Each structure stands twice: as C-alpha cells, then as structure tokens.
C-alpha atoms as a PDB file:
ATOM      1  CA  MET A   1      18.031  -4.253 -26.421  1.00  0.00           C
ATOM      2  CA  ASN A   2      15.197  -2.033 -27.637  1.00  0.00           C
ATOM      3  CA  SER A   3      15.970   0.409 -30.470  1.00  0.00           C
ATOM      4  CA  PRO A   4      15.900   4.153 -29.593  1.00  0.00           C
ATOM      5  CA  GLY A   5      12.657   4.519 -31.563  1.00  0.00           C
ATOM      6  CA  ALA A   6      10.992   1.648 -29.722  1.00  0.00           C
ATOM      7  CA  LEU A   7      12.180   3.056 -26.383  1.00  0.00           C
ATOM      8  CA  GLN A   8      10.697   6.465 -27.183  1.00  0.00           C
ATOM      9  CA  GLU A   9       7.418   4.872 -28.281  1.00  0.00           C
ATOM     10  CA  ASN A  10       7.362   2.792 -25.088  1.00  0.00           C
ATOM     11  CA  LEU A  11       7.952   5.904 -22.975  1.00  0.00           C
ATOM     12  CA  PHE A  12       5.020   7.798 -24.471  1.00  0.00           C
ATOM     13  CA  GLN A  13       2.756   4.762 -24.089  1.00  0.00           C
ATOM     14  CA  HIS A  14       3.593   4.691 -20.371  1.00  0.00           C
ATOM     15  CA  ILE A  15       2.963   8.424 -20.026  1.00  0.00           C
ATOM     16  CA  LYS A  16      -0.375   8.227 -21.850  1.00  0.00           C
ATOM     17  CA  ALA A  17      -1.501   5.391 -19.565  1.00  0.00           C
ATOM     18  CA  LYS A  18      -0.665   7.454 -16.479  1.00  0.00           C
ATOM     19  CA  LEU A  19      -2.532  10.610 -17.540  1.00  0.00           C
ATOM     20  CA  PRO A  20      -6.122  11.126 -16.327  1.00  0.00           C
ATOM     21  CA  PRO A  21      -8.644  11.163 -19.218  1.00  0.00           C
ATOM     22  CA  HIS A  22      -9.461  14.871 -18.768  1.00  0.00           C
ATOM     23  CA  LEU A  23      -5.860  15.980 -19.455  1.00  0.00           C
ATOM     24  CA  SER A  24      -4.521  16.560 -22.972  1.00  0.00           C
ATOM     25  CA  PHE A  25      -1.596  14.263 -23.720  1.00  0.00           C
ATOM     26  CA  VAL A  26       0.059  16.659 -26.177  1.00  0.00           C
ATOM     27  CA  HIS A  27      -0.502  19.684 -23.944  1.00  0.00           C
ATOM     28  CA  GLU A  28       1.165  17.982 -20.952  1.00  0.00           C
ATOM     29  CA  ILE A  29       4.232  17.034 -23.024  1.00  0.00           C
ATOM     30  CA  SER A  30       4.413  20.496 -24.564  1.00  0.00           C
ATOM     31  CA  GLU A  31       4.190  22.259 -21.188  1.00  0.00           C
ATOM     32  CA  LEU A  32       6.704  19.992 -19.448  1.00  0.00           C
ATOM     33  CA  LEU A  33       9.357  20.227 -22.180  1.00  0.00           C
ATOM     34  CA  GLY A  34       8.688  23.874 -23.037  1.00  0.00           C
ATOM     35  CA  ILE A  35       8.093  23.147 -26.717  1.00  0.00           C
ATOM     36  CA  SER A  36       5.311  23.800 -29.226  1.00  0.00           C
ATOM     37  CA  TYR A  37       2.448  21.404 -29.901  1.00  0.00           C
ATOM     38  CA  ASP A  38       3.984  20.636 -33.303  1.00  0.00           C
ATOM     39  CA  SER A  39       7.328  19.728 -31.696  1.00  0.00           C
ATOM     40  CA  ALA A  40       5.552  17.605 -29.104  1.00  0.00           C
ATOM     41  CA  TYR A  41       3.666  15.719 -31.847  1.00  0.00           C
ATOM     42  CA  ARG A  42       6.911  15.057 -33.751  1.00  0.00           C
ATOM     43  CA  ARG A  43       8.474  13.542 -30.611  1.00  0.00           C
ATOM     44  CA  ILE A  44       5.374  11.449 -29.882  1.00  0.00           C
ATOM     45  CA  ARG A  45       5.338  10.124 -33.480  1.00  0.00           C
ATOM     46  CA  GLY A  46       9.056   9.361 -33.275  1.00  0.00           C
ATOM     47  CA  GLU A  47       9.982  11.832 -36.025  1.00  0.00           C
ATOM     48  CA  LYS A  48      12.149  13.789 -33.559  1.00  0.00           C
ATOM     49  CA  LYS A  49      14.377  12.023 -31.027  1.00  0.00           C
ATOM     50  CA  LEU A  50      14.242  13.057 -27.388  1.00  0.00           C
ATOM     51  CA  THR A  51      17.365  14.588 -25.909  1.00  0.00           C
ATOM     52  CA  LEU A  52      18.830  13.080 -22.736  1.00  0.00           C
ATOM     53  CA  GLU A  53      17.561  16.105 -20.798  1.00  0.00           C
ATOM     54  CA  GLU A  54      14.039  15.671 -22.178  1.00  0.00           C
ATOM     55  CA  LEU A  55      14.099  11.938 -21.418  1.00  0.00           C
ATOM     56  CA  ASN A  56      15.235  12.681 -17.875  1.00  0.00           C
ATOM     57  CA  ASN A  57      12.522  15.329 -17.352  1.00  0.00           C
ATOM     58  CA  LEU A  58       9.753  13.049 -18.618  1.00  0.00           C
ATOM     59  CA  CYS A  59      10.879  10.050 -16.570  1.00  0.00           C
ATOM     60  CA  ARG A  60      11.228  12.107 -13.385  1.00  0.00           C
ATOM     61  CA  HIS A  61       7.924  13.942 -13.799  1.00  0.00           C
ATOM     62  CA  PHE A  62       5.885  10.838 -14.600  1.00  0.00           C
ATOM     63  CA  GLN A  63       7.933   8.574 -12.304  1.00  0.00           C
ATOM     64  CA  ILE A  64       8.899   6.055 -14.967  1.00  0.00           C
ATOM     65  CA  SER A  65      12.064   4.022 -14.449  1.00  0.00           C
ATOM     66  CA  LEU A  66      14.503   3.522 -17.304  1.00  0.00           C
ATOM     67  CA  ASP A  67      14.736  -0.229 -16.686  1.00  0.00           C
ATOM     68  CA  THR A  68      11.028  -0.428 -17.513  1.00  0.00           C
ATOM     69  CA  LEU A  69      11.605   1.317 -20.841  1.00  0.00           C
ATOM     70  CA  PHE A  70      14.575  -0.858 -21.772  1.00  0.00           C
ATOM     71  CA  SER A  71      12.828  -4.024 -20.479  1.00  0.00           C
ATOM     72  CA  VAL A  72      16.117  -4.848 -18.789  1.00  0.00           C
ATOM     73  CA  ASP A  73      16.398  -8.586 -18.217  1.00  0.00           C
ATOM     74  CA  ASN A  74      19.245  -8.913 -15.743  1.00  0.00           C
ATOM     75  CA  GLN A  75      19.925  -8.839 -12.016  1.00  0.00           C
ATOM     76  CA  ASN A  76      20.244  -5.054 -11.769  1.00  0.00           C
ATOM     77  CA  ILE A  77      16.855  -3.568 -10.884  1.00  0.00           C
ATOM     78  CA  VAL A  78      16.037   0.108 -10.366  1.00  0.00           C
ATOM     79  CA  PHE A  79      13.742   0.996  -7.446  1.00  0.00           C
ATOM     80  CA  THR A  80      12.077   4.205  -6.337  1.00  0.00           C
ATOM     81  CA  SER A  81      12.320   4.642  -2.562  1.00  0.00           C
ATOM     82  CA  LEU A  82       9.616   6.191  -0.366  1.00  0.00           C
ATOM     83  CA  ALA A  83      11.454   6.504   2.948  1.00  0.00           C
ATOM     84  CA  ILE A  84       9.999   8.585   5.755  1.00  0.00           C
ATOM     85  CA  GLY A  85      12.687  10.649   7.459  1.00  0.00           C
ATOM     86  CA  GLU A  86      15.141  10.500   4.559  1.00  0.00           C
ATOM     87  CA  LYS A  87      16.051  13.935   3.162  1.00  0.00           C
ATOM     88  CA  GLY A  88      13.150  15.508   5.047  1.00  0.00           C
ATOM     89  CA  TYR A  89      10.532  13.181   3.503  1.00  0.00           C
ATOM     90  CA  THR A  90       7.474  13.337   5.777  1.00  0.00           C
ATOM     91  CA  LEU A  91       4.475  11.160   6.570  1.00  0.00           C
ATOM     92  CA  ASP A  92       2.317  13.812   4.875  1.00  0.00           C
ATOM     93  CA  GLN A  93       4.287  13.408   1.647  1.00  0.00           C
ATOM     94  CA  TRP A  94       4.225   9.605   1.971  1.00  0.00           C
ATOM     95  CA  LEU A  95       0.437   9.605   2.282  1.00  0.00           C
ATOM     96  CA  GLN A  96       0.003  12.020  -0.623  1.00  0.00           C
ATOM     97  CA  GLU A  97       2.120   9.748  -2.828  1.00  0.00           C
ATOM     98  CA  ILE A  98       0.068   6.693  -1.800  1.00  0.00           C
ATOM     99  CA  LEU A  99      -3.094   8.679  -2.587  1.00  0.00           C
ATOM    100  CA  ARG A 100      -1.737   9.592  -6.026  1.00  0.00           C
ATOM    101  CA  GLN A 101      -0.899   5.979  -6.784  1.00  0.00           C
ATOM    102  CA  VAL A 102      -4.235   4.483  -5.686  1.00  0.00           C
ATOM    103  CA  LYS A 103      -6.045   7.132  -7.761  1.00  0.00           C
ATOM    104  CA  GLU A 104      -3.942   6.115 -10.751  1.00  0.00           C
ATOM    105  CA  ILE A 105      -4.756   2.424 -10.202  1.00  0.00           C
ATOM    106  CA  HIS A 106      -8.463   3.080  -9.694  1.00  0.00           C
ATOM    107  CA  GLY A 107      -8.601   5.083 -12.929  1.00  0.00           C
ATOM    108  CA  CYS A 108      -7.596   2.008 -14.950  1.00  0.00           C
ATOM    109  CA  LYS A 109     -10.210  -0.279 -16.502  1.00  0.00           C
ATOM    110  CA  GLN A 110      -8.493  -3.589 -15.705  1.00  0.00           C
ATOM    111  CA  LYS A 111      -6.877  -3.629 -12.280  1.00  0.00           C
ATOM    112  CA  GLU A 112      -5.849  -6.039  -9.553  1.00  0.00           C
ATOM    113  CA  PHE A 113      -4.029  -5.475  -6.278  1.00  0.00           C
ATOM    114  CA  PHE A 114      -2.192  -8.273  -4.416  1.00  0.00           C
ATOM    115  CA  TYR A 115      -0.948  -7.760  -0.844  1.00  0.00           C
ATOM    116  CA  SER A 116       1.030 -10.472   0.931  1.00  0.00           C
ATOM    117  CA  ALA A 117       0.756  -9.075   4.450  1.00  0.00           C
ATOM    118  CA  LYS A 118       3.377  -9.808   7.081  1.00  0.00           C
ATOM    119  CA  ASP A 119       1.958  -6.751   8.883  1.00  0.00           C
ATOM    120  CA  ILE A 120      -1.555  -5.331   8.728  1.00  0.00           C
ATOM    121  CA  PRO A 121      -1.827  -3.232   5.531  1.00  0.00           C
ATOM    122  CA  VAL A 122      -1.712   0.415   6.561  1.00  0.00           C
ATOM    123  CA  PHE A 123      -5.003   1.104   4.726  1.00  0.00           C
ATOM    124  CA  HIS A 124      -6.948  -0.678   7.478  1.00  0.00           C
ATOM    125  CA  PHE A 125      -5.802   1.801  10.138  1.00  0.00           C
ATOM    126  CA  PHE A 126      -7.256   4.860   8.431  1.00  0.00           C
ATOM    127  CA  GLU A 127     -10.795   4.259   9.725  1.00  0.00           C
ATOM    128  CA  PHE A 128      -9.716   3.786  13.366  1.00  0.00           C
ATOM    129  CA  PRO A 129      -8.055   7.046  14.509  1.00  0.00           C
ATOM    130  CA  GLU A 130      -6.831   5.676  17.842  1.00  0.00           C
ATOM    131  CA  LEU A 131      -5.081   2.746  16.139  1.00  0.00           C
ATOM    132  CA  PHE A 132      -3.621   4.951  13.414  1.00  0.00           C
ATOM    133  CA  ALA A 133      -2.379   7.232  16.217  1.00  0.00           C
ATOM    134  CA  PHE A 134      -0.754   4.225  17.881  1.00  0.00           C
ATOM    135  CA  LYS A 135       1.029   3.246  14.662  1.00  0.00           C
ATOM    136  CA  ILE A 136       2.318   6.810  14.208  1.00  0.00           C
ATOM    137  CA  PHE A 137       3.495   6.807  17.830  1.00  0.00           C
ATOM    138  CA  PHE A 138       5.191   3.416  17.472  1.00  0.00           C
ATOM    139  CA  TRP A 139       6.932   4.371  14.219  1.00  0.00           C
ATOM    140  CA  ASN A 140       8.295   7.607  15.700  1.00  0.00           C
ATOM    141  CA  LYS A 141       9.039   6.358  19.209  1.00  0.00           C
ATOM    142  CA  VAL A 142      10.493   2.922  18.502  1.00  0.00           C
ATOM    143  CA  LEU A 143      11.284   2.625  14.802  1.00  0.00           C
ATOM    144  CA  PHE A 144      12.602   6.042  13.767  1.00  0.00           C
ATOM    145  CA  THR A 145      13.458   7.437  17.251  1.00  0.00           C
ATOM    146  CA  ALA A 146      12.205  10.749  15.860  1.00  0.00           C
ATOM    147  CA  PRO A 147      13.104  14.069  17.504  1.00  0.00           C
ATOM    148  CA  GLY A 148      10.477  15.159  20.028  1.00  0.00           C
ATOM    149  CA  PHE A 149       9.440  11.593  20.848  1.00  0.00           C
ATOM    150  CA  GLU A 150      12.252  10.785  23.284  1.00  0.00           C
ATOM    151  CA  ASN A 151      10.059  11.332  26.353  1.00  0.00           C
ATOM    152  CA  ALA A 152       6.684  11.279  24.636  1.00  0.00           C
ATOM    153  CA  LEU A 153       3.728   9.141  25.673  1.00  0.00           C
ATOM    154  CA  TYR A 154       0.977   7.793  23.431  1.00  0.00           C
ATOM    155  CA  ARG A 155      -1.784  10.276  22.550  1.00  0.00           C
ATOM    156  CA  PHE A 156      -5.113   9.648  20.841  1.00  0.00           C
ATOM    157  CA  ASP A 157      -4.816  12.779  18.684  1.00  0.00           C
ATOM    158  CA  LEU A 158      -1.532  11.974  16.924  1.00  0.00           C
ATOM    159  CA  ALA A 159      -3.310  10.949  13.732  1.00  0.00           C
ATOM    160  CA  ASP A 160      -5.803  13.818  13.519  1.00  0.00           C
ATOM    161  CA  ARG A 161      -4.062  15.845  10.818  1.00  0.00           C
ATOM    162  CA  PHE A 162      -3.503  12.760   8.647  1.00  0.00           C
ATOM    163  CA  LEU A 163      -6.997  11.296   8.822  1.00  0.00           C
ATOM    164  CA  GLN A 164      -8.570  13.163   5.904  1.00  0.00           C
ATOM    165  CA  THR A 165      -5.883  11.947   3.488  1.00  0.00           C
ATOM    166  CA  GLY A 166      -5.926   8.476   5.013  1.00  0.00           C
ATOM    167  CA  ARG A 167      -9.681   8.087   4.628  1.00  0.00           C
ATOM    168  CA  GLU A 168      -9.520   9.367   1.060  1.00  0.00           C
ATOM    169  CA  ILE A 169      -6.921   6.681   0.331  1.00  0.00           C
ATOM    170  CA  LEU A 170      -9.074   4.007   1.976  1.00  0.00           C
ATOM    171  CA  ALA A 171     -12.229   5.040   0.107  1.00  0.00           C
ATOM    172  CA  ILE A 172     -10.399   4.483  -3.187  1.00  0.00           C
ATOM    173  CA  TYR A 173      -8.569   1.336  -2.045  1.00  0.00           C
ATOM    174  CA  ASN A 174     -11.901  -0.214  -1.067  1.00  0.00           C
ATOM    175  CA  LYS A 175     -13.042   0.000  -4.709  1.00  0.00           C
ATOM    176  CA  ILE A 176      -9.983  -1.740  -6.186  1.00  0.00           C
ATOM    177  CA  PRO A 177     -10.270  -5.539  -6.638  1.00  0.00           C
ATOM    178  CA  THR A 178      -7.857  -6.837  -4.019  1.00  0.00           C
ATOM    179  CA  VAL A 179      -6.297 -10.068  -2.819  1.00  0.00           C
ATOM    180  CA  GLU A 180      -4.874  -9.978   0.716  1.00  0.00           C
ATOM    181  CA  ILE A 181      -2.908 -12.936   2.074  1.00  0.00           C
ATOM    182  CA  TRP A 182      -2.609 -13.031   5.870  1.00  0.00           C
ATOM    183  CA  ASN A 183      -1.763 -15.386   8.674  1.00  0.00           C
ATOM    184  CA  GLU A 184      -2.291 -15.050  12.428  1.00  0.00           C
ATOM    185  CA  GLU A 185       1.090 -13.349  12.802  1.00  0.00           C
ATOM    186  CA  THR A 186      -0.110 -10.520  10.575  1.00  0.00           C
ATOM    187  CA  PHE A 187      -2.360  -9.306  13.400  1.00  0.00           C
ATOM    188  CA  SER A 188      -0.292 -10.712  16.278  1.00  0.00           C
ATOM    189  CA  SER A 189       2.637  -8.411  15.452  1.00  0.00           C
ATOM    190  CA  LEU A 190       0.392  -5.414  16.219  1.00  0.00           C
ATOM    191  CA  ILE A 191      -0.703  -6.984  19.516  1.00  0.00           C
ATOM    192  CA  ARG A 192       2.973  -7.462  20.466  1.00  0.00           C
ATOM    193  CA  GLN A 193       3.700  -3.815  19.628  1.00  0.00           C
ATOM    194  CA  VAL A 194       0.890  -2.681  21.930  1.00  0.00           C
ATOM    195  CA  GLU A 195       2.160  -5.012  24.651  1.00  0.00           C
ATOM    196  CA  TYR A 196       5.716  -3.707  24.254  1.00  0.00           C
ATOM    197  CA  CYS A 197       4.573  -0.092  24.664  1.00  0.00           C
ATOM    198  CA  TYR A 198       2.519  -1.088  27.717  1.00  0.00           C
ATOM    199  CA  ILE A 199       5.480  -2.835  29.378  1.00  0.00           C
ATOM    200  CA  CYS A 200       7.763   0.128  28.593  1.00  0.00           C
ATOM    201  CA  GLY A 201       5.299   2.552  30.215  1.00  0.00           C
ATOM    202  CA  TYR A 202       4.494   4.448  27.026  1.00  0.00           C
ATOM    203  CA  PHE A 203       0.776   4.631  27.921  1.00  0.00           C
ATOM    204  CA  GLY A 204       0.058   7.414  30.389  1.00  0.00           C
ATOM    205  CA  GLU A 205      -3.097   5.820  31.801  1.00  0.00           C
ATOM    206  CA  LYS A 206      -4.367   2.260  32.063  1.00  0.00           C
ATOM    207  CA  GLU A 207      -7.603   3.349  30.384  1.00  0.00           C
ATOM    208  CA  GLU A 208      -5.660   4.309  27.242  1.00  0.00           C
ATOM    209  CA  ILE A 209      -4.304   0.831  26.540  1.00  0.00           C
ATOM    210  CA  LEU A 210      -7.672  -0.718  27.389  1.00  0.00           C
ATOM    211  CA  LYS A 211      -9.328   1.559  24.836  1.00  0.00           C
ATOM    212  CA  VAL A 212      -6.707   0.629  22.221  1.00  0.00           C
ATOM    213  CA  LEU A 213      -7.373  -3.075  22.891  1.00  0.00           C
ATOM    214  CA  GLU A 214     -11.125  -2.521  22.632  1.00  0.00           C
ATOM    215  CA  ILE A 215     -10.702  -0.816  19.254  1.00  0.00           C
ATOM    216  CA  LEU A 216      -8.393  -3.647  18.163  1.00  0.00           C
ATOM    217  CA  LYS A 217     -11.315  -6.010  18.711  1.00  0.00           C
ATOM    218  CA  THR A 218     -13.560  -3.665  16.728  1.00  0.00           C
ATOM    219  CA  MET A 219     -11.079  -3.637  13.839  1.00  0.00           C
ATOM    220  CA  LEU A 220     -10.873  -7.430  13.953  1.00  0.00           C
ATOM    221  CA  MET A 221     -14.679  -7.746  13.875  1.00  0.00           C
ATOM    222  CA  HIS A 222     -14.871  -5.333  10.926  1.00  0.00           C
ATOM    223  CA  LEU A 223     -12.231  -7.329   9.041  1.00  0.00           C
ATOM    224  CA  GLN A 224     -14.191 -10.518   9.674  1.00  0.00           C
ATOM    225  CA  GLN A 225     -17.407  -8.932   8.411  1.00  0.00           C
ATOM    226  CA  GLN A 226     -15.675  -7.700   5.248  1.00  0.00           C
ATOM    227  CA  ALA A 227     -14.174 -11.144   4.649  1.00  0.00           C
ATOM    228  CA  GLU A 228     -17.618 -12.683   5.111  1.00  0.00           C
ATOM    229  CA  SER A 229     -19.159 -10.192   2.670  1.00  0.00           C
ATOM    230  CA  GLY A 230     -16.448 -10.601   0.046  1.00  0.00           C
ATOM    231  CA  PHE A 231     -16.049  -6.831  -0.390  1.00  0.00           C
ATOM    232  CA  ARG A 232     -14.661  -3.932   1.644  1.00  0.00           C
ATOM    233  CA  TYR A 233     -16.579  -0.991   3.032  1.00  0.00           C
ATOM    234  CA  MET A 234     -15.939   1.789   5.545  1.00  0.00           C
ATOM    235  CA  PHE A 235     -16.555   0.976   9.199  1.00  0.00           C
ATOM    236  CA  GLY A 236     -19.860   2.373  10.419  1.00  0.00           C
ATOM    237  CA  THR A 237     -21.432   2.443   6.951  1.00  0.00           C
ATOM    238  CA  LEU A 238     -23.850   0.085   5.232  1.00  0.00           C
ATOM    239  CA  PRO A 239     -22.105  -3.032   3.879  1.00  0.00           C
ATOM    240  CA  GLU A 240     -22.252  -2.284   0.163  1.00  0.00           C
ATOM    241  CA  GLY A 241     -19.803  -3.353  -2.519  1.00  0.00           C
ATOM    242  CA  VAL A 242     -19.076  -5.680  -5.428  1.00  0.00           C
ATOM    243  CA  ASP A 243     -19.194  -9.368  -4.508  1.00  0.00           C
ATOM    244  CA  GLY A 244     -15.782 -10.993  -4.836  1.00  0.00           C
ATOM    245  CA  ASN A 245     -13.960  -7.655  -4.922  1.00  0.00           C
ATOM    246  CA  TYR A 246     -12.120  -8.628  -1.734  1.00  0.00           C
ATOM    247  CA  ARG A 247     -10.449 -12.029  -1.559  1.00  0.00           C
ATOM    248  CA  PHE A 248      -8.981 -12.747   1.868  1.00  0.00           C
ATOM    249  CA  TYR A 249      -6.613 -15.725   2.134  1.00  0.00           C
ATOM    250  CA  CYS A 250      -5.012 -17.355   5.162  1.00  0.00           C
ATOM    251  CA  ASN A 251      -1.624 -19.042   4.838  1.00  0.00           C
ATOM    252  CA  GLU A 252      -0.009 -20.351   8.017  1.00  0.00           C
ATOM    253  CA  VAL A 253       3.219 -21.621   6.439  1.00  0.00           C
ATOM    254  CA  LEU A 254       4.675 -19.663   3.522  1.00  0.00           C
ATOM    255  CA  LEU A 255       3.974 -15.987   4.213  1.00  0.00           C
ATOM    256  CA  GLY A 256       7.182 -13.932   4.135  1.00  0.00           C
ATOM    257  CA  ASP A 257       7.691 -10.182   3.846  1.00  0.00           C
ATOM    258  CA  ASN A 258       5.176  -7.487   2.959  1.00  0.00           C
ATOM    259  CA  THR A 259       4.886  -7.641  -0.820  1.00  0.00           C
ATOM    260  CA  ILE A 260       2.529  -5.708  -3.087  1.00  0.00           C
ATOM    261  CA  PHE A 261       1.918  -6.516  -6.737  1.00  0.00           C
ATOM    262  CA  ILE A 262      -0.274  -4.336  -8.949  1.00  0.00           C
ATOM    263  CA  SER A 263      -1.559  -4.932 -12.455  1.00  0.00           C
ATOM    264  CA  ALA A 264      -3.326  -1.957 -14.047  1.00  0.00           C
ATOM    265  CA  ASP A 265      -4.280  -1.966 -17.722  1.00  0.00           C
ATOM    266  CA  GLY A 266      -1.305  -4.186 -18.513  1.00  0.00           C
ATOM    267  CA  HIS A 267       1.218  -2.133 -16.537  1.00  0.00           C
ATOM    268  CA  LEU A 268       2.876  -4.050 -13.695  1.00  0.00           C
ATOM    269  CA  LYS A 269       4.289  -2.663 -10.462  1.00  0.00           C
ATOM    270  CA  THR A 270       5.842  -4.227  -7.364  1.00  0.00           C
ATOM    271  CA  CYS A 271       6.235  -2.599  -3.935  1.00  0.00           C
ATOM    272  CA  LEU A 272       8.448  -4.100  -1.239  1.00  0.00           C
ATOM    273  CA  THR A 273       8.521  -2.744   2.311  1.00  0.00           C
ATOM    274  CA  TYR A 274      11.611  -2.168   4.427  1.00  0.00           C
ATOM    275  CA  ASN A 275      11.936  -0.726   7.932  1.00  0.00           C
ATOM    276  CA  VAL A 276       8.245  -1.654   8.367  1.00  0.00           C
ATOM    277  CA  ILE A 277       6.664   1.259   6.470  1.00  0.00           C
ATOM    278  CA  ASN A 278       9.150   2.471   3.837  1.00  0.00           C
ATOM    279  CA  LEU A 279       8.628   1.312   0.258  1.00  0.00           C
ATOM    280  CA  LEU A 280      10.800   0.218  -2.634  1.00  0.00           C
ATOM    281  CA  ILE A 281       8.841   0.482  -5.902  1.00  0.00           C
ATOM    282  CA  THR A 282       9.759  -0.918  -9.303  1.00  0.00           C
ATOM    283  CA  GLU A 283       8.121  -1.506 -12.673  1.00  0.00           C
ATOM    284  CA  ASN A 284      10.900  -3.839 -13.807  1.00  0.00           C
ATOM    285  CA  PRO A 285       8.955  -6.328 -15.956  1.00  0.00           C
ATOM    286  CA  THR A 286      11.080  -9.364 -15.106  1.00  0.00           C
ATOM    287  CA  LEU A 287      10.777  -8.906 -11.357  1.00  0.00           C
ATOM    288  CA  CYS A 288       7.088  -8.022 -11.567  1.00  0.00           C
ATOM    289  CA  ARG A 289       6.314 -11.199 -13.501  1.00  0.00           C
ATOM    290  CA  GLN A 290       8.267 -13.254 -10.950  1.00  0.00           C
ATOM    291  CA  ILE A 291       6.351 -11.645  -8.071  1.00  0.00           C
ATOM    292  CA  GLU A 292       3.028 -12.170  -9.839  1.00  0.00           C
ATOM    293  CA  VAL A 293       3.720 -15.878 -10.393  1.00  0.00           C
ATOM    294  CA  SER A 294       4.887 -16.255  -6.779  1.00  0.00           C
ATOM    295  CA  LEU A 295       1.799 -14.581  -5.294  1.00  0.00           C
ATOM    296  CA  ARG A 296      -0.651 -16.438  -7.523  1.00  0.00           C
ATOM    297  CA  ASN A 297       1.022 -19.706  -6.508  1.00  0.00           C
ATOM    298  CA  LEU A 298       0.825 -18.610  -2.870  1.00  0.00           C
ATOM    299  CA  THR A 299      -2.953 -18.192  -3.118  1.00  0.00           C
ATOM    300  CA  LYS A 300      -3.187 -21.794  -4.380  1.00  0.00           C
ATOM    301  CA  LYS A 301      -1.428 -22.942  -1.209  1.00  0.00           C
ATOM    302  CA  SER A 302      -3.649 -20.754   0.999  1.00  0.00           C
ATOM    303  CA  THR A 303      -7.209 -21.036   2.300  1.00  0.00           C
ATOM    304  CA  LEU A 304      -9.735 -18.585   0.884  1.00  0.00           C
ATOM    305  CA  ILE A 305     -11.750 -17.456   3.922  1.00  0.00           C
ATOM    306  CA  SER A 306     -13.718 -14.633   2.318  1.00  0.00           C
ATOM    307  CA  SER A 307     -17.284 -15.346   1.144  1.00  0.00           C
ATOM    308  CA  THR A 308     -16.759 -19.097   1.703  1.00  0.00           C
ATOM    309  CA  SER A 309     -15.110 -21.366   4.331  1.00  0.00           C
ATOM    310  CA  GLU A 310     -17.108 -20.080   7.294  1.00  0.00           C
ATOM    311  CA  LYS A 311     -15.563 -22.599   9.710  1.00  0.00           C
ATOM    312  CA  GLU A 312     -11.979 -21.654   8.801  1.00  0.00           C
ATOM    313  CA  ARG A 313     -12.843 -17.953   8.873  1.00  0.00           C
ATOM    314  CA  ARG A 314     -14.311 -18.179  12.375  1.00  0.00           C
ATOM    315  CA  GLN A 315     -11.317 -20.174  13.614  1.00  0.00           C
ATOM    316  CA  PHE A 316      -8.884 -17.621  12.184  1.00  0.00           C
ATOM    317  CA  PHE A 317     -10.519 -14.558  13.735  1.00  0.00           C
ATOM    318  CA  SER A 318     -11.412 -16.282  17.031  1.00  0.00           C
ATOM    319  CA  SER A 319      -7.775 -17.252  17.566  1.00  0.00           C
ATOM    320  CA  ILE A 320      -6.647 -13.629  17.160  1.00  0.00           C
ATOM    321  CA  CYS A 321      -9.452 -12.397  19.420  1.00  0.00           C
ATOM    322  CA  ARG A 322      -8.222 -14.720  22.171  1.00  0.00           C
ATOM    323  CA  LYS A 323      -4.757 -13.167  21.946  1.00  0.00           C
ATOM    324  CA  ILE A 324      -6.220  -9.687  22.419  1.00  0.00           C
ATOM    325  CA  LYS A 325      -8.245 -10.978  25.385  1.00  0.00           C
ATOM    326  CA  THR A 326      -5.106 -12.465  26.959  1.00  0.00           C
ATOM    327  CA  LEU A 327      -3.337  -9.093  26.863  1.00  0.00           C
ATOM    328  CA  GLU A 328      -6.486  -7.363  28.109  1.00  0.00           C
ATOM    329  CA  ASP A 329      -6.645  -9.723  31.100  1.00  0.00           C
ATOM    330  CA  SER A 330      -2.974  -9.092  31.832  1.00  0.00           C
ATOM    331  CA  VAL A 331      -3.527  -5.315  31.887  1.00  0.00           C
ATOM    332  CA  ASN A 332      -6.588  -5.635  34.140  1.00  0.00           C
ATOM    333  CA  SER A 333      -4.775  -7.868  36.602  1.00  0.00           C
END
C-alpha cells in the first residue's frame, strides 16, 4: 500500500495534470480548501498532511477516485456513473461533462482514444441533427420511457437545443488521435431501431422515415470518406486533418460491448457503457491496463480499413448501404 506521503504526492500530481495551463495550481488549491498560499504550498510539498475533509473535497472537485491514488490491485473497482435520468441528471449535463472530458484530453500533449463500438459512437450523430433527434427520441421513448414521451411521435427538432454543445464536442473529438473498432452490427443496430419505430408507428409521416434513411446513407458515406482519408472532419467542410489521426478497424468476430480507453499524458481512463448511453468511468490502473492490452490485441485481430485496404473498406460500407436500401424499399412498398 502507498504511504500517506506518497498518496498525497500522487493526488497533487493528478490535480496538476488536470488543470489547464492558464490556471495557477497553488491558487486553485488555496481557493478550494479556503487556506492561504503558504498553507497550500506546505500541503503540496507534503510538509502538512491533508485532512480527510480536504482529501474528500479535492477528490470530488477534480473527480479523482481514491482507488487511483492507492493504486488498488484487487477486484474491487470504484466507478463514477454518468446516468441520464438518475437523481435528475439530464442530457444537458451529460453532454457538458463529455465536453469537459474531451477538452481535458485534447489539452494533453500525448493522447490516444480507443473506442470498441458495439453501437455507433454518439459523437458521429452531432453533425446530423435529424439523426441526433432520432437517437434522443429513441432513448426517451423506448429506453427510458421518459415522462411526456408516452404518446409522442418523432420530431426533427428534438436535438436543436443540444446541437451547439454536441458540435463543440465533435470539433474537439475530431482532433484527438482515435482508434475505432466496428463491425457491421455497429451500424445495423441503428437501422433496426429505425425499423422498430417505423413498425410501431412512431413516425407521423412516411416522408419522415424516408428522410431519416436518406440521412443515414449520408452519414455512412461521410464515415467512408473519413476512413479513406485517415482523419476526421466535419461534414460539409473541406477534408483537412492529420494523416493517420483516425484508424478505423473492422472486426466481424470478437467485438463485444461499447468500451472506451483513454491514455492522456500517462493518465489512463476506461469508460464502459450500460443501458446504451450511460457511462461507468474509472481510472483504476489495473483495469485500465487490462483494457488497453485487450483493445490493442483486438486491433491485431481486426482489419484496418482506413487509409489502406480499399477493397475491404468498400465491401464493409456497401454491405451496410444495402441494409438501408432494403428498409427503404420496404417503406416505399
């Protein structure tokens, strides 16, 4: 087990890594704990031990888990939960927290973002308002059975008030070196959700589902173009980016749940999804290392279809396009 002094030193290292460069480290500690600069310095240098209350305040404010500080190496792992609908937690708050975290990652010098995608990563919906609106409708109507959605039908404007935050998230996410691991089911699950809502009569007009399917094809084409380029960029803008910044893998056998692994200036983080959109987040070093090894091994058993492997890339996206066309034909008939 780490000594109290080593734990305190570890805590302040984590806090310093999380602070933006323009903020004063000592000032932030002083303000949060309500102590003088001299007292803050003595705690940072380890000359003065933190009280339990001070430790709690620092960990809560900077969202640092105690198992990370202790480097706990057992089967008990502490997670932070981001659960929409729990204790009044809203989609607005969820998006703001995602924005805060991607800003933190982007501010690091050395960074890498892995996403093993059972479902389409939510980032990709932010540039297609009608599809983001569909996801919001589906979450509230089918997943959460939210109040006010009992008799509701799909509307194109459901995402309007979230789009600014969503696009800000995407603009930052696009700049982070990322590995995404998909298979055909990653996109097919969305097609099945659209089909389910169509069969249940949740679209008011036939033209609405046809427009959603048309935009699905547009999203698919944009994904293919980004994979071909090897970097991400906003739809409707010039394709500009850093070559190799986006590595898109296809794995038809081993893909499991949605799993995110992040490495940023030596700090590791894992995010696991539950109930489709909710997140469990941990910085437990043992688990993070296990996830990292698992995902890196998964890429070795997958086909890289970004930048290279044109034949495999075309086959992958053409197969999904045919599934959209099949549903489109069914609606038209």
